Amino acid sequence: MSEYREIITKAVVGKGRKFTQSTHTVTAPNRPSSILGCWIINHRYEAKKCDKTVEIHGHYDINVWYSYNNNTKTEVVTETVSYTDVVKLKYRDKDHLISDDTDIIVRVIQQPNCLECTISPNGNKIVVDVEREFVAEVIGETKVCVAINPEGCGQDDDFCDDDDLDEELEDLSPELLLGEEE
């Protein structure tokens, strides 16, 4: 019998990270006087593998609260923005071909967040700078080679000896388990 075995298991066979800063232009129905606030909500995304990369397609709503008419009135303008981020797989298992039976897991490290919101130089648009960050992992089948102990488990290993564990459990006081003993 061989001293090694190959085990087929699922493991991370590719991994990458992507940080993005993007600029969006929001059109307000009124000429803005000042920006009072900006926030991003309703972030949704999905990912798919594409050769040696993972593509993330998503969208979110940009909400800008602004004043107009010489700061006498306010309004909130909302615009939905779409994006595509391509994550290069920095770590890739060279022996594994990314195929249809792989799983893609994408986690958001930094939700889309407004860095800066300003009025454009010509004064009729709002410019929003946004940041976001993702980590993508490709999970696929791979082989692991393990050494086999010809003696089996439990021969010299204390952690496999159930008799010692049974003796220790018998010596426990039931009051101690219930919290009644001082």
N, C-alpha and C. Protein backbone atom coordinates (compact mmCIF):
# COMPACT_ATOMS: atom_id res chain seq x y z
N MET A 1 0.85 -1.19 0.00
CA MET A 1 0.00 0.00 0.00
C MET A 1 0.88 1.24 0.00
N SER A 2 0.52 2.23 -0.77
CA SER A 2 1.29 3.45 -0.91
C SER A 2 1.26 4.26 0.38
N GLU A 3 2.34 5.03 0.62
CA GLU A 3 2.42 5.86 1.80
C GLU A 3 1.78 7.22 1.59
N TYR A 4 1.29 7.50 0.40
CA TYR A 4 0.65 8.78 0.08
C TYR A 4 -0.68 8.53 -0.61
N ARG A 5 -1.59 9.45 -0.43
CA ARG A 5 -2.90 9.39 -1.11
C ARG A 5 -3.20 10.76 -1.68
N GLU A 6 -3.91 10.74 -2.80
CA GLU A 6 -4.40 11.98 -3.38
C GLU A 6 -5.86 12.13 -3.00
N ILE A 7 -6.19 13.29 -2.46
CA ILE A 7 -7.57 13.59 -2.07
C ILE A 7 -8.05 14.71 -2.97
N ILE A 8 -9.22 14.52 -3.56
CA ILE A 8 -9.81 15.56 -4.38
C ILE A 8 -10.72 16.39 -3.49
N THR A 9 -10.51 17.70 -3.49
CA THR A 9 -11.27 18.60 -2.61
C THR A 9 -11.47 19.93 -3.31
N LYS A 10 -12.36 20.74 -2.76
CA LYS A 10 -12.55 22.09 -3.27
C LYS A 10 -11.63 23.02 -2.49
N ALA A 11 -11.02 23.95 -3.22
CA ALA A 11 -10.10 24.90 -2.60
C ALA A 11 -10.09 26.18 -3.41
N VAL A 12 -9.49 27.23 -2.84
CA VAL A 12 -9.32 28.48 -3.57
C VAL A 12 -8.23 28.25 -4.62
N VAL A 13 -8.60 28.38 -5.89
CA VAL A 13 -7.65 28.18 -6.99
C VAL A 13 -7.31 29.50 -7.68
N GLY A 14 -7.95 30.58 -7.26
CA GLY A 14 -7.65 31.90 -7.81
C GLY A 14 -8.17 32.96 -6.87
N LYS A 15 -7.41 34.08 -6.76
CA LYS A 15 -7.82 35.13 -5.84
C LYS A 15 -7.30 36.47 -6.34
N GLY A 16 -8.12 37.51 -6.20
CA GLY A 16 -7.71 38.85 -6.62
C GLY A 16 -8.44 39.90 -5.83
N ARG A 17 -7.94 41.13 -5.93
CA ARG A 17 -8.51 42.26 -5.19
C ARG A 17 -8.55 43.46 -6.12
N LYS A 18 -9.61 44.26 -6.02
CA LYS A 18 -9.74 45.43 -6.90
C LYS A 18 -10.27 46.61 -6.11
N PHE A 19 -9.51 47.71 -6.13
CA PHE A 19 -9.92 48.97 -5.54
C PHE A 19 -10.17 49.93 -6.69
N THR A 20 -11.32 50.61 -6.69
CA THR A 20 -11.68 51.50 -7.78
C THR A 20 -12.14 52.84 -7.24
N GLN A 21 -11.67 53.90 -7.87
CA GLN A 21 -12.21 55.24 -7.66
C GLN A 21 -12.79 55.69 -8.99
N SER A 22 -14.01 56.17 -8.97
CA SER A 22 -14.65 56.61 -10.20
C SER A 22 -15.36 57.94 -9.96
N THR A 23 -15.57 58.65 -11.06
CA THR A 23 -16.24 59.95 -11.00
C THR A 23 -17.52 59.88 -11.82
N HIS A 24 -18.61 60.35 -11.24
CA HIS A 24 -19.92 60.35 -11.90
C HIS A 24 -20.45 61.78 -11.94
N THR A 25 -21.18 62.06 -12.99
CA THR A 25 -21.81 63.37 -13.13
C THR A 25 -23.31 63.21 -12.99
N VAL A 26 -23.90 63.95 -12.06
CA VAL A 26 -25.33 63.89 -11.79
C VAL A 26 -25.95 65.20 -12.28
N THR A 27 -27.04 65.09 -13.00
CA THR A 27 -27.73 66.27 -13.51
C THR A 27 -28.89 66.61 -12.59
N ALA A 28 -28.88 67.82 -12.08
CA ALA A 28 -29.95 68.29 -11.20
C ALA A 28 -30.95 69.11 -12.02
N PRO A 29 -32.24 69.05 -11.66
CA PRO A 29 -33.24 69.81 -12.40
C PRO A 29 -33.10 71.33 -12.21
N ASN A 30 -32.45 71.74 -11.11
CA ASN A 30 -32.23 73.16 -10.84
C ASN A 30 -30.73 73.42 -10.72
N ARG A 31 -30.32 74.63 -11.01
CA ARG A 31 -28.90 74.99 -10.91
C ARG A 31 -28.50 75.03 -9.43
N PRO A 32 -27.57 74.14 -9.00
CA PRO A 32 -27.23 74.07 -7.58
C PRO A 32 -26.45 75.28 -7.09
N SER A 33 -26.75 75.70 -5.86
CA SER A 33 -26.00 76.78 -5.19
C SER A 33 -24.92 76.18 -4.29
N SER A 34 -25.29 75.11 -3.56
CA SER A 34 -24.31 74.43 -2.70
C SER A 34 -24.75 72.98 -2.49
N ILE A 35 -23.78 72.14 -2.14
CA ILE A 35 -24.04 70.73 -1.85
C ILE A 35 -24.23 70.59 -0.34
N LEU A 36 -25.34 69.97 0.05
CA LEU A 36 -25.65 69.80 1.47
C LEU A 36 -25.35 68.39 1.96
N GLY A 37 -25.31 67.43 1.04
CA GLY A 37 -25.00 66.05 1.43
C GLY A 37 -25.03 65.13 0.23
N CYS A 38 -24.33 64.02 0.36
CA CYS A 38 -24.31 63.01 -0.71
C CYS A 38 -24.15 61.64 -0.07
N TRP A 39 -24.96 60.69 -0.48
CA TRP A 39 -24.85 59.34 0.03
C TRP A 39 -25.20 58.36 -1.07
N ILE A 40 -24.71 57.14 -0.91
CA ILE A 40 -24.89 56.08 -1.90
C ILE A 40 -25.63 54.93 -1.24
N ILE A 41 -26.70 54.48 -1.91
CA ILE A 41 -27.53 53.39 -1.36
C ILE A 41 -27.85 52.39 -2.46
N ASN A 42 -28.49 51.30 -2.04
CA ASN A 42 -29.02 50.26 -2.95
C ASN A 42 -27.94 49.65 -3.85
N HIS A 43 -26.81 49.31 -3.26
CA HIS A 43 -25.73 48.68 -4.03
C HIS A 43 -26.06 47.22 -4.31
N ARG A 44 -26.03 46.84 -5.58
CA ARG A 44 -26.27 45.46 -6.01
C ARG A 44 -25.20 45.09 -7.02
N TYR A 45 -24.76 43.83 -7.00
CA TYR A 45 -23.75 43.38 -7.96
C TYR A 45 -23.84 41.88 -8.15
N GLU A 46 -23.25 41.42 -9.25
CA GLU A 46 -23.09 40.00 -9.51
C GLU A 46 -21.76 39.82 -10.21
N ALA A 47 -21.21 38.62 -10.12
CA ALA A 47 -19.89 38.37 -10.67
C ALA A 47 -19.91 37.14 -11.56
N LYS A 48 -19.00 37.14 -12.54
CA LYS A 48 -18.83 35.97 -13.40
C LYS A 48 -17.36 35.86 -13.76
N LYS A 49 -16.94 34.64 -14.03
CA LYS A 49 -15.55 34.45 -14.42
C LYS A 49 -15.41 34.75 -15.91
N CYS A 50 -14.24 35.21 -16.28
CA CYS A 50 -13.97 35.55 -17.67
C CYS A 50 -12.48 35.33 -17.90
N ASP A 51 -12.13 34.17 -18.46
CA ASP A 51 -10.73 33.78 -18.67
C ASP A 51 -9.96 33.84 -17.35
N LYS A 52 -8.97 34.74 -17.26
CA LYS A 52 -8.12 34.84 -16.07
C LYS A 52 -8.54 35.97 -15.16
N THR A 53 -9.78 36.43 -15.30
CA THR A 53 -10.29 37.53 -14.48
C THR A 53 -11.69 37.20 -13.97
N VAL A 54 -12.16 38.02 -13.06
CA VAL A 54 -13.55 37.96 -12.59
C VAL A 54 -14.15 39.33 -12.89
N GLU A 55 -15.30 39.33 -13.58
CA GLU A 55 -15.99 40.59 -13.89
C GLU A 55 -17.12 40.79 -12.90
N ILE A 56 -17.15 41.98 -12.32
CA ILE A 56 -18.22 42.35 -11.38
C ILE A 56 -19.06 43.42 -12.05
N HIS A 57 -20.33 43.12 -12.25
CA HIS A 57 -21.28 44.08 -12.82
C HIS A 57 -22.21 44.51 -11.71
N GLY A 58 -22.34 45.82 -11.50
CA GLY A 58 -23.18 46.30 -10.42
C GLY A 58 -23.76 47.67 -10.70
N HIS A 59 -24.56 48.11 -9.76
CA HIS A 59 -25.16 49.44 -9.83
C HIS A 59 -25.51 49.92 -8.43
N TYR A 60 -25.63 51.22 -8.28
CA TYR A 60 -26.03 51.83 -7.02
C TYR A 60 -26.68 53.17 -7.31
N ASP A 61 -27.40 53.68 -6.30
CA ASP A 61 -28.06 54.97 -6.42
C ASP A 61 -27.22 56.03 -5.72
N ILE A 62 -26.99 57.14 -6.44
CA ILE A 62 -26.32 58.29 -5.84
C ILE A 62 -27.41 59.31 -5.51
N ASN A 63 -27.47 59.71 -4.26
CA ASN A 63 -28.42 60.72 -3.79
C ASN A 63 -27.64 61.97 -3.39
N VAL A 64 -28.00 63.10 -3.98
CA VAL A 64 -27.34 64.36 -3.65
C VAL A 64 -28.40 65.34 -3.16
N TRP A 65 -28.17 65.86 -1.96
CA TRP A 65 -29.03 66.89 -1.39
C TRP A 65 -28.33 68.22 -1.65
N TYR A 66 -29.01 69.12 -2.31
CA TYR A 66 -28.38 70.38 -2.68
C TYR A 66 -29.37 71.53 -2.50
N SER A 67 -28.81 72.73 -2.41
CA SER A 67 -29.64 73.93 -2.35
C SER A 67 -29.57 74.62 -3.71
N TYR A 68 -30.60 75.40 -4.00
CA TYR A 68 -30.64 76.16 -5.25
C TYR A 68 -31.40 77.46 -5.00
N ASN A 69 -31.49 78.29 -6.05
CA ASN A 69 -32.16 79.57 -5.95
C ASN A 69 -31.52 80.42 -4.83
N ASN A 70 -30.18 80.56 -4.92
CA ASN A 70 -29.39 81.32 -3.93
C ASN A 70 -29.58 80.80 -2.50
N ASN A 71 -29.54 79.50 -2.36
CA ASN A 71 -29.64 78.82 -1.06
C ASN A 71 -30.97 79.06 -0.35
N THR A 72 -32.05 79.26 -1.10
CA THR A 72 -33.36 79.46 -0.47
C THR A 72 -34.24 78.22 -0.53
N LYS A 73 -33.89 77.26 -1.37
CA LYS A 73 -34.66 76.02 -1.51
C LYS A 73 -33.71 74.83 -1.59
N THR A 74 -34.22 73.65 -1.20
CA THR A 74 -33.41 72.43 -1.29
C THR A 74 -34.15 71.35 -2.04
N GLU A 75 -33.37 70.39 -2.50
CA GLU A 75 -33.94 69.26 -3.23
C GLU A 75 -32.95 68.10 -3.18
N VAL A 76 -33.45 66.88 -3.34
CA VAL A 76 -32.60 65.70 -3.45
C VAL A 76 -32.77 65.15 -4.86
N VAL A 77 -31.65 64.93 -5.53
CA VAL A 77 -31.67 64.32 -6.85
C VAL A 77 -31.04 62.93 -6.72
N THR A 78 -31.65 61.93 -7.38
CA THR A 78 -31.18 60.55 -7.33
C THR A 78 -30.86 60.08 -8.74
N GLU A 79 -29.72 59.42 -8.87
CA GLU A 79 -29.35 58.86 -10.16
C GLU A 79 -28.75 57.48 -9.96
N THR A 80 -29.20 56.51 -10.74
CA THR A 80 -28.66 55.16 -10.68
C THR A 80 -27.47 55.05 -11.62
N VAL A 81 -26.38 54.52 -11.10
CA VAL A 81 -25.13 54.41 -11.86
C VAL A 81 -24.75 52.94 -11.97
N SER A 82 -24.37 52.52 -13.17
CA SER A 82 -23.89 51.15 -13.39
C SER A 82 -22.37 51.16 -13.53
N TYR A 83 -21.75 50.03 -13.20
CA TYR A 83 -20.30 49.91 -13.34
C TYR A 83 -19.92 48.47 -13.65
N THR A 84 -18.72 48.29 -14.17
CA THR A 84 -18.11 46.98 -14.37
C THR A 84 -16.68 47.08 -13.86
N ASP A 85 -16.34 46.23 -12.90
CA ASP A 85 -14.97 46.14 -12.39
C ASP A 85 -14.40 44.79 -12.83
N VAL A 86 -13.19 44.80 -13.36
CA VAL A 86 -12.50 43.58 -13.76
C VAL A 86 -11.41 43.31 -12.73
N VAL A 87 -11.52 42.16 -12.04
CA VAL A 87 -10.56 41.79 -11.01
C VAL A 87 -9.58 40.79 -11.61
N LYS A 88 -8.30 41.17 -11.67
CA LYS A 88 -7.27 40.25 -12.13
C LYS A 88 -6.96 39.28 -11.00
N LEU A 89 -6.81 38.02 -11.34
CA LEU A 89 -6.50 37.01 -10.34
C LEU A 89 -4.99 37.01 -10.11
N LYS A 90 -4.57 37.63 -9.01
CA LYS A 90 -3.14 37.73 -8.68
C LYS A 90 -2.59 36.36 -8.29
N TYR A 91 -3.36 35.63 -7.49
CA TYR A 91 -2.97 34.26 -7.14
C TYR A 91 -3.77 33.33 -8.02
N ARG A 92 -3.11 32.44 -8.73
CA ARG A 92 -3.80 31.45 -9.55
C ARG A 92 -3.06 30.13 -9.45
N ASP A 93 -3.80 29.07 -9.21
CA ASP A 93 -3.24 27.73 -9.22
C ASP A 93 -2.95 27.37 -10.67
N LYS A 94 -1.67 27.28 -11.02
CA LYS A 94 -1.29 27.05 -12.41
C LYS A 94 -1.74 25.69 -12.94
N ASP A 95 -1.94 24.74 -12.03
CA ASP A 95 -2.35 23.40 -12.46
C ASP A 95 -3.86 23.27 -12.64
N HIS A 96 -4.60 24.30 -12.28
CA HIS A 96 -6.06 24.23 -12.37
C HIS A 96 -6.55 25.13 -13.49
N LEU A 97 -7.36 24.57 -14.35
CA LEU A 97 -8.00 25.38 -15.39
C LEU A 97 -9.33 25.87 -14.88
N ILE A 98 -9.55 27.17 -14.94
CA ILE A 98 -10.83 27.72 -14.49
C ILE A 98 -11.87 27.34 -15.53
N SER A 99 -12.86 26.59 -15.08
CA SER A 99 -13.86 26.06 -16.02
C SER A 99 -15.26 26.34 -15.49
N ASP A 100 -16.25 25.71 -16.12
CA ASP A 100 -17.64 25.95 -15.74
C ASP A 100 -18.00 25.39 -14.37
N ASP A 101 -17.22 24.44 -13.86
CA ASP A 101 -17.57 23.86 -12.55
C ASP A 101 -16.93 24.62 -11.39
N THR A 102 -16.36 25.78 -11.64
CA THR A 102 -15.81 26.59 -10.55
C THR A 102 -16.88 27.51 -9.98
N ASP A 103 -16.70 27.88 -8.73
CA ASP A 103 -17.60 28.82 -8.07
C ASP A 103 -16.86 30.14 -7.89
N ILE A 104 -17.58 31.22 -7.99
CA ILE A 104 -17.01 32.56 -7.81
C ILE A 104 -17.62 33.14 -6.53
N ILE A 105 -16.76 33.59 -5.63
CA ILE A 105 -17.20 34.25 -4.41
C ILE A 105 -16.60 35.65 -4.41
N VAL A 106 -17.46 36.66 -4.33
CA VAL A 106 -17.01 38.05 -4.30
C VAL A 106 -17.51 38.67 -3.00
N ARG A 107 -16.58 39.32 -2.29
CA ARG A 107 -16.93 40.03 -1.06
C ARG A 107 -16.60 41.50 -1.23
N VAL A 108 -17.45 42.32 -0.66
CA VAL A 108 -17.21 43.76 -0.69
C VAL A 108 -16.33 44.12 0.50
N ILE A 109 -15.17 44.70 0.22
CA ILE A 109 -14.29 45.18 1.28
C ILE A 109 -14.69 46.61 1.66
N GLN A 110 -14.98 47.43 0.65
CA GLN A 110 -15.43 48.81 0.85
C GLN A 110 -16.67 49.02 0.01
N GLN A 111 -17.82 49.22 0.66
CA GLN A 111 -19.04 49.54 -0.06
C GLN A 111 -18.83 50.85 -0.83
N PRO A 112 -19.53 51.03 -1.95
CA PRO A 112 -19.41 52.31 -2.66
C PRO A 112 -19.67 53.46 -1.68
N ASN A 113 -18.73 54.41 -1.68
CA ASN A 113 -18.73 55.47 -0.69
C ASN A 113 -18.37 56.78 -1.38
N CYS A 114 -19.06 57.85 -1.03
CA CYS A 114 -18.79 59.16 -1.62
C CYS A 114 -17.54 59.76 -0.98
N LEU A 115 -16.54 60.05 -1.80
CA LEU A 115 -15.32 60.71 -1.33
C LEU A 115 -15.48 62.22 -1.35
N GLU A 116 -16.07 62.72 -2.46
CA GLU A 116 -16.24 64.16 -2.61
C GLU A 116 -17.41 64.43 -3.55
N CYS A 117 -18.15 65.48 -3.26
CA CYS A 117 -19.29 65.88 -4.08
C CYS A 117 -19.19 67.39 -4.28
N THR A 118 -19.05 67.81 -5.54
CA THR A 118 -18.86 69.23 -5.84
C THR A 118 -19.74 69.66 -7.01
N ILE A 119 -19.89 70.95 -7.15
CA ILE A 119 -20.60 71.51 -8.30
C ILE A 119 -19.58 71.68 -9.42
N SER A 120 -19.95 71.27 -10.65
CA SER A 120 -19.03 71.36 -11.79
C SER A 120 -18.65 72.81 -12.06
N PRO A 121 -17.53 73.04 -12.73
CA PRO A 121 -17.08 74.42 -12.99
C PRO A 121 -18.09 75.27 -13.75
N ASN A 122 -18.86 74.65 -14.67
CA ASN A 122 -19.86 75.46 -15.39
C ASN A 122 -21.12 75.71 -14.56
N GLY A 123 -21.24 75.00 -13.39
CA GLY A 123 -22.29 75.31 -12.44
C GLY A 123 -23.62 74.63 -12.62
N ASN A 124 -23.79 73.79 -13.64
CA ASN A 124 -25.10 73.18 -13.83
C ASN A 124 -25.12 71.67 -13.57
N LYS A 125 -23.99 71.07 -13.22
CA LYS A 125 -23.93 69.63 -12.94
C LYS A 125 -23.27 69.41 -11.57
N ILE A 126 -23.44 68.19 -11.05
CA ILE A 126 -22.85 67.81 -9.77
C ILE A 126 -21.88 66.67 -10.04
N VAL A 127 -20.66 66.79 -9.57
CA VAL A 127 -19.61 65.78 -9.78
C VAL A 127 -19.40 65.02 -8.47
N VAL A 128 -19.52 63.67 -8.56
CA VAL A 128 -19.42 62.82 -7.37
C VAL A 128 -18.26 61.85 -7.57
N ASP A 129 -17.29 61.85 -6.63
CA ASP A 129 -16.18 60.90 -6.63
C ASP A 129 -16.53 59.76 -5.67
N VAL A 130 -16.42 58.52 -6.16
CA VAL A 130 -16.83 57.33 -5.41
C VAL A 130 -15.67 56.34 -5.34
N GLU A 131 -15.56 55.63 -4.22
CA GLU A 131 -14.60 54.54 -4.08
C GLU A 131 -15.34 53.26 -3.72
N ARG A 132 -14.77 52.11 -4.14
CA ARG A 132 -15.31 50.79 -3.80
C ARG A 132 -14.17 49.78 -3.91
N GLU A 133 -14.31 48.65 -3.19
CA GLU A 133 -13.26 47.63 -3.22
C GLU A 133 -13.87 46.24 -3.04
N PHE A 134 -13.36 45.29 -3.82
CA PHE A 134 -13.83 43.91 -3.80
C PHE A 134 -12.66 42.94 -3.66
N VAL A 135 -12.96 41.75 -3.13
CA VAL A 135 -12.06 40.60 -3.18
C VAL A 135 -12.83 39.50 -3.87
N ALA A 136 -12.20 38.87 -4.86
CA ALA A 136 -12.83 37.78 -5.60
C ALA A 136 -12.03 36.51 -5.40
N GLU A 137 -12.74 35.41 -5.17
CA GLU A 137 -12.10 34.10 -5.03
C GLU A 137 -12.75 33.13 -6.00
N VAL A 138 -11.92 32.31 -6.63
CA VAL A 138 -12.40 31.26 -7.51
C VAL A 138 -12.20 29.94 -6.77
N ILE A 139 -13.29 29.20 -6.58
CA ILE A 139 -13.24 27.93 -5.86
C ILE A 139 -13.39 26.81 -6.90
N GLY A 140 -12.46 25.86 -6.88
CA GLY A 140 -12.52 24.75 -7.83
C GLY A 140 -11.96 23.48 -7.22
N GLU A 141 -12.13 22.40 -7.93
CA GLU A 141 -11.60 21.12 -7.45
C GLU A 141 -10.11 21.06 -7.71
N THR A 142 -9.40 20.50 -6.73
CA THR A 142 -7.96 20.33 -6.85
C THR A 142 -7.57 19.07 -6.08
N LYS A 143 -6.35 18.61 -6.27
CA LYS A 143 -5.87 17.43 -5.57
C LYS A 143 -4.91 17.84 -4.48
N VAL A 144 -5.01 17.14 -3.35
CA VAL A 144 -4.11 17.33 -2.23
C VAL A 144 -3.43 15.99 -1.97
N CYS A 145 -2.13 16.01 -1.81
CA CYS A 145 -1.40 14.77 -1.54
C CYS A 145 -1.12 14.72 -0.04
N VAL A 146 -1.51 13.61 0.61
CA VAL A 146 -1.31 13.47 2.05
C VAL A 146 -0.53 12.21 2.35
N ALA A 147 0.26 12.28 3.42
CA ALA A 147 1.02 11.11 3.86
C ALA A 147 0.12 10.22 4.71
N ILE A 148 0.26 8.93 4.55
CA ILE A 148 -0.54 7.96 5.30
C ILE A 148 0.33 7.38 6.42
N ASN A 149 -0.22 7.34 7.63
CA ASN A 149 0.46 6.73 8.77
C ASN A 149 0.19 5.23 8.70
N PRO A 150 1.22 4.40 8.44
CA PRO A 150 1.00 2.95 8.33
C PRO A 150 0.50 2.32 9.63
N GLU A 151 0.74 2.98 10.76
CA GLU A 151 0.30 2.48 12.06
C GLU A 151 -1.18 2.77 12.29
N GLY A 152 -1.74 3.68 11.52
CA GLY A 152 -3.12 4.08 11.74
C GLY A 152 -3.20 5.17 12.79
N CYS A 153 -4.38 5.62 13.08
CA CYS A 153 -4.59 6.68 14.06
C CYS A 153 -4.75 6.07 15.43
N GLY A 154 -4.18 6.73 16.43
CA GLY A 154 -4.42 6.31 17.81
C GLY A 154 -3.35 5.43 18.40
N GLN A 155 -2.39 4.96 17.63
CA GLN A 155 -1.37 4.08 18.19
C GLN A 155 -0.46 4.82 19.16
N ASP A 156 0.06 5.96 18.74
CA ASP A 156 0.96 6.73 19.60
C ASP A 156 0.40 8.11 19.91
N ASP A 157 -0.76 8.41 19.38
CA ASP A 157 -1.31 9.76 19.52
C ASP A 157 -2.25 9.84 20.72
N ASP A 158 -1.94 10.73 21.67
CA ASP A 158 -2.78 10.91 22.85
C ASP A 158 -4.15 11.46 22.48
N PHE A 159 -4.23 12.25 21.42
CA PHE A 159 -5.51 12.89 21.10
C PHE A 159 -6.52 11.89 20.53
N CYS A 160 -6.09 10.72 20.18
CA CYS A 160 -7.02 9.72 19.64
C CYS A 160 -7.46 8.71 20.69
N ASP A 161 -6.97 8.83 21.92
CA ASP A 161 -7.26 7.84 22.95
C ASP A 161 -8.56 8.22 23.67
N ASP A 162 -9.64 7.50 23.36
CA ASP A 162 -10.94 7.79 23.96
C ASP A 162 -11.04 7.34 25.41
N ASP A 163 -10.23 6.35 25.83
CA ASP A 163 -10.32 5.86 27.21
C ASP A 163 -9.95 6.94 28.21
N ASP A 164 -8.89 7.72 27.92
CA ASP A 164 -8.49 8.80 28.83
C ASP A 164 -9.58 9.86 28.93
N LEU A 165 -10.22 10.18 27.81
CA LEU A 165 -11.27 11.17 27.80
C LEU A 165 -12.46 10.69 28.63
N ASP A 166 -12.83 9.41 28.51
CA ASP A 166 -13.94 8.87 29.30
C ASP A 166 -13.66 8.96 30.79
N GLU A 167 -12.40 8.66 31.20
CA GLU A 167 -12.04 8.73 32.61
C GLU A 167 -12.14 10.17 33.12
N GLU A 168 -11.70 11.14 32.32
CA GLU A 168 -11.76 12.54 32.73
C GLU A 168 -13.21 13.00 32.88
N LEU A 169 -14.08 12.56 32.00
CA LEU A 169 -15.48 12.95 32.08
C LEU A 169 -16.17 12.33 33.29
N GLU A 170 -15.80 11.10 33.66
CA GLU A 170 -16.38 10.46 34.83
C GLU A 170 -16.01 11.18 36.11
N ASP A 171 -14.81 11.79 36.16
CA ASP A 171 -14.33 12.47 37.36
C ASP A 171 -14.95 13.85 37.56
N LEU A 172 -15.68 14.37 36.58
CA LEU A 172 -16.29 15.69 36.72
C LEU A 172 -17.46 15.65 37.69
N SER A 173 -17.55 16.68 38.50
CA SER A 173 -18.64 16.78 39.46
C SER A 173 -19.88 17.32 38.76
N PRO A 174 -21.05 16.68 38.90
CA PRO A 174 -22.27 17.19 38.28
C PRO A 174 -22.65 18.59 38.77
N GLU A 175 -22.33 18.91 40.05
CA GLU A 175 -22.61 20.23 40.58
C GLU A 175 -21.79 21.32 39.88
N LEU A 176 -20.57 20.96 39.50
CA LEU A 176 -19.71 21.90 38.78
C LEU A 176 -20.31 22.24 37.43
N LEU A 177 -20.87 21.27 36.76
CA LEU A 177 -21.48 21.50 35.47
C LEU A 177 -22.72 22.37 35.58
N LEU A 178 -23.46 22.23 36.70
CA LEU A 178 -24.67 23.03 36.90
C LEU A 178 -24.38 24.37 37.55
N GLY A 179 -23.14 24.59 37.98
CA GLY A 179 -22.77 25.87 38.57
C GLY A 179 -23.16 25.98 40.04
N GLU A 180 -23.42 24.85 40.73
CA GLU A 180 -23.87 24.90 42.11
C GLU A 180 -22.72 24.79 43.10
N GLU A 181 -21.55 24.32 42.65
CA GLU A 181 -20.43 24.13 43.54
C GLU A 181 -19.64 25.44 43.69
N GLU A 182 -19.18 25.77 44.89
CA GLU A 182 -18.42 27.01 45.12
C GLU A 182 -16.96 26.80 44.93
